[in-house]
Protein backbone atom coordinates (compact mmCIF):
# COMPACT_ATOMS: atom_id res chain seq x y z
CA MET A 1 84.55 114.61 126.54
CA LEU A 2 88.36 114.90 126.67
CA ASP A 3 88.77 111.83 124.44
CA TRP A 4 86.31 113.28 121.95
CA LEU A 5 88.27 116.55 121.84
CA LYS A 6 91.58 114.72 121.41
CA ASN A 7 90.21 112.60 118.60
CA ARG A 8 88.48 115.52 116.92
CA PHE A 9 91.39 117.96 116.96
CA PHE A 10 94.50 115.81 117.12
CA ALA A 11 93.68 112.68 115.14
CA LYS A 12 93.56 112.55 111.37
CA GLU A 13 91.73 110.20 109.10
CA LEU A 14 93.02 109.93 105.57
CA GLU A 15 91.32 108.11 102.76
CA LEU A 16 93.85 106.64 100.33
CA ALA A 17 93.49 105.02 96.94
CA ILE A 18 96.44 102.70 96.38
CA VAL A 19 96.90 101.99 92.68
CA GLY A 20 99.55 100.64 90.35
CA LEU A 21 100.11 97.80 87.93
CA GLN A 22 99.73 94.20 89.03
CA ASN A 23 102.64 92.79 91.06
CA ALA A 24 103.90 96.23 92.10
CA GLY A 25 103.50 95.26 95.76
CA LYS A 26 100.39 97.23 96.73
CA SER A 27 98.85 94.53 98.92
CA THR A 28 102.24 93.69 100.44
CA LEU A 29 102.68 97.36 101.27
CA ILE A 30 99.30 97.54 103.02
CA ASN A 31 99.95 94.32 104.95
CA SER A 32 103.37 95.60 106.02
CA LEU A 33 101.86 98.89 107.18
CA GLN A 34 99.12 97.07 109.06
CA THR A 35 101.21 94.40 110.79
CA GLY A 36 104.75 95.80 110.73
CA ASN A 37 105.87 92.50 109.17
CA PHE A 38 106.37 91.06 105.70
CA ASP A 39 104.07 88.20 104.75
CA GLU A 40 105.47 85.99 102.02
CA ASP A 41 101.99 84.64 101.24
CA THR A 42 100.27 87.89 100.26
CA ILE A 43 97.56 87.26 97.69
CA PRO A 44 97.18 89.80 94.86
CA THR A 45 94.07 91.96 94.95
CA VAL A 46 91.27 91.01 92.62
CA GLY A 47 88.99 94.02 92.22
CA VAL A 48 88.94 96.13 95.39
CA ASN A 49 89.80 95.55 99.04
CA ILE A 50 89.04 98.05 101.79
CA ARG A 51 91.38 98.24 104.75
CA SER A 52 91.77 100.44 107.79
CA VAL A 53 95.22 100.97 109.30
CA LYS A 54 95.94 103.04 112.39
CA LYS A 55 99.43 104.50 112.74
CA GLY A 56 99.89 106.82 115.69
CA LYS A 57 97.30 109.57 115.42
CA VAL A 58 96.54 108.82 111.79
CA THR A 59 93.90 106.36 110.64
CA LEU A 60 94.28 105.34 107.02
CA ARG A 61 91.18 104.13 105.22
CA ILE A 62 92.67 102.37 102.23
CA TRP A 63 91.16 101.40 98.90
CA ASP A 64 93.48 98.65 97.63
CA LEU A 65 92.72 98.56 93.92
CA GLY A 66 93.62 95.70 91.61
CA GLY A 67 96.25 96.55 89.02
CA GLN A 68 95.18 94.15 86.30
CA ARG A 69 94.13 95.87 83.08
CA ARG A 70 90.42 95.02 83.55
CA TYR A 71 90.30 96.87 86.92
CA ARG A 72 92.15 100.05 85.97
CA GLU A 73 89.02 101.79 84.66
CA SER A 74 87.49 101.53 88.16
CA TRP A 75 90.40 103.46 89.71
CA GLU A 76 88.80 106.80 88.93
CA LYS A 77 85.78 106.47 91.24
CA TYR A 78 87.98 105.50 94.21
CA CYS A 79 90.71 108.03 93.49
CA ALA A 80 88.19 110.87 93.13
CA SER A 81 86.98 110.50 96.71
CA SER A 82 90.45 110.06 98.24
CA ASP A 83 92.59 112.48 100.19
CA CYS A 84 95.69 111.08 98.49
CA ILE A 85 96.47 108.82 95.56
CA VAL A 86 99.32 106.41 96.24
CA PHE A 87 100.81 105.06 93.02
CA VAL A 88 102.98 102.02 93.70
CA ILE A 89 105.44 100.97 91.05
CA ASP A 90 107.77 97.98 90.89
CA SER A 91 111.14 99.72 90.65
CA THR A 92 112.74 96.57 89.18
CA ASP A 93 110.22 95.97 86.39
CA LYS A 94 111.86 97.96 83.62
CA GLU A 95 109.67 96.31 80.95
CA SER A 96 106.45 97.66 82.48
CA LEU A 97 107.69 101.19 83.15
CA ASP A 98 106.14 102.66 79.99
CA VAL A 99 102.77 101.06 80.81
CA ALA A 100 102.96 102.38 84.39
CA LYS A 101 103.84 105.87 83.15
CA THR A 102 100.95 105.84 80.68
CA GLN A 103 98.52 104.69 83.41
CA LEU A 104 99.77 107.39 85.77
CA GLU A 105 99.41 110.09 83.10
CA GLN A 106 95.92 108.89 82.18
CA MET A 107 94.86 108.85 85.84
CA LEU A 108 96.18 112.38 86.43
CA SER A 109 94.25 113.64 83.39
CA TRP A 110 90.89 112.75 84.98
CA GLU A 111 89.10 115.95 86.03
CA SER A 112 87.67 114.12 89.03
CA VAL A 113 91.13 113.74 90.62
CA GLU A 114 92.33 117.29 89.94
CA GLY A 115 94.34 118.66 92.85
CA ILE A 116 94.39 115.41 94.86
CA PRO A 117 97.91 114.84 96.25
CA LEU A 118 99.98 112.09 94.62
CA LEU A 119 102.51 109.91 96.39
CA VAL A 120 104.62 107.66 94.15
CA LEU A 121 106.25 104.74 95.93
CA ALA A 122 109.00 102.99 93.99
CA ASN A 123 108.76 99.59 95.67
CA LYS A 124 111.26 96.72 95.87
CA ASN A 125 114.40 98.76 96.51
CA ASP A 126 115.73 95.67 98.33
CA LEU A 127 116.31 94.01 94.95
CA PRO A 128 119.31 94.54 92.66
CA ASP A 129 119.05 96.82 89.62
CA CYS A 130 116.09 98.76 90.95
CA TYR A 131 115.38 102.29 89.87
CA THR A 132 116.22 104.89 92.49
CA GLU A 133 113.93 107.64 93.75
CA LYS A 134 115.68 110.13 91.46
CA ASP A 135 115.30 107.74 88.51
CA MET A 136 111.55 107.49 89.15
CA ILE A 137 111.15 111.25 89.42
CA ASP A 138 112.90 111.66 86.07
CA LEU A 139 111.39 108.65 84.24
CA LEU A 140 107.83 109.50 85.32
CA ASN A 141 108.44 113.23 84.75
CA LEU A 142 107.05 114.00 88.21
CA LYS A 143 108.63 117.47 88.37
CA SER A 144 106.29 118.58 85.58
CA ILE A 145 103.18 117.98 87.72
CA ARG A 146 102.08 121.37 89.01
CA ASP A 147 98.40 120.98 89.92
CA ARG A 148 98.87 118.97 93.11
CA LYS A 149 101.31 118.11 95.88
CA VAL A 150 103.62 115.29 94.71
CA GLY A 151 105.94 113.08 96.70
CA CYS A 152 108.15 110.18 95.63
CA TYR A 153 110.05 107.69 97.78
CA SER A 154 112.03 104.56 97.13
CA ILE A 155 110.69 101.88 99.48
CA SER A 156 110.75 98.20 100.28
CA ALA A 157 107.42 96.88 101.53
CA LYS A 158 109.26 93.63 102.29
CA ASN A 159 111.97 95.18 104.49
CA LEU A 160 109.78 98.11 105.66
CA THR A 161 112.37 100.55 104.25
CA ASN A 162 111.17 104.18 104.10
CA LEU A 163 107.58 103.30 105.03
CA ASP A 164 107.92 105.68 107.97
CA VAL A 165 108.92 108.50 105.61
CA ALA A 166 105.95 107.79 103.32
CA LEU A 167 103.59 107.74 106.31
CA LYS A 168 104.97 111.05 107.53
CA TRP A 169 104.44 112.59 104.10
CA MET A 170 100.82 111.41 104.10
CA SER A 171 100.14 112.50 107.67
CA ASP A 172 101.41 116.00 106.84
CA LEU A 173 98.80 116.49 104.14
CA LYS A 174 96.70 119.58 104.76
CA LYS A 175 93.52 118.11 103.33
CA ILE A 176 92.09 115.53 105.71
CA HIS A 177 89.00 113.42 105.43
CA ASN A 178 86.37 114.14 108.12
């Protein structure tokens, strides 16, 4: 009975949709969260993978969605049922920034995702010439988003940099999946 009460009132389960263009590091991020280590041999997601990651008192049910153009239309159905949308962007891929921004704007325009919190993770900050957190906030015009809670962090899924901060942001979300 005590375990049931602890789990019911002190544990959180969050359902996340992790999206972003191909090669942004979404699968690497999930693997790093799950194992606490970087795996050089991470295979890109084709379609959808479902993962469950437990971190402290938070269980993350993760929809890892492929970022190739042909899979982006399917993002909506997974994002709509999520407690948080995590948009991962390669902070070194300056050529794809406009495409990423357009995809983010299109996704946020879907009525089905209205009000769902958004966490932008600018991945690969371990590489030279990466955009900073402030750069991403400005370039993606994140300050203009008013209809949901928005967070943005510069991370390295490879070096596990700032993953703890991103997890804290997610675990502090008011809306939890029951």
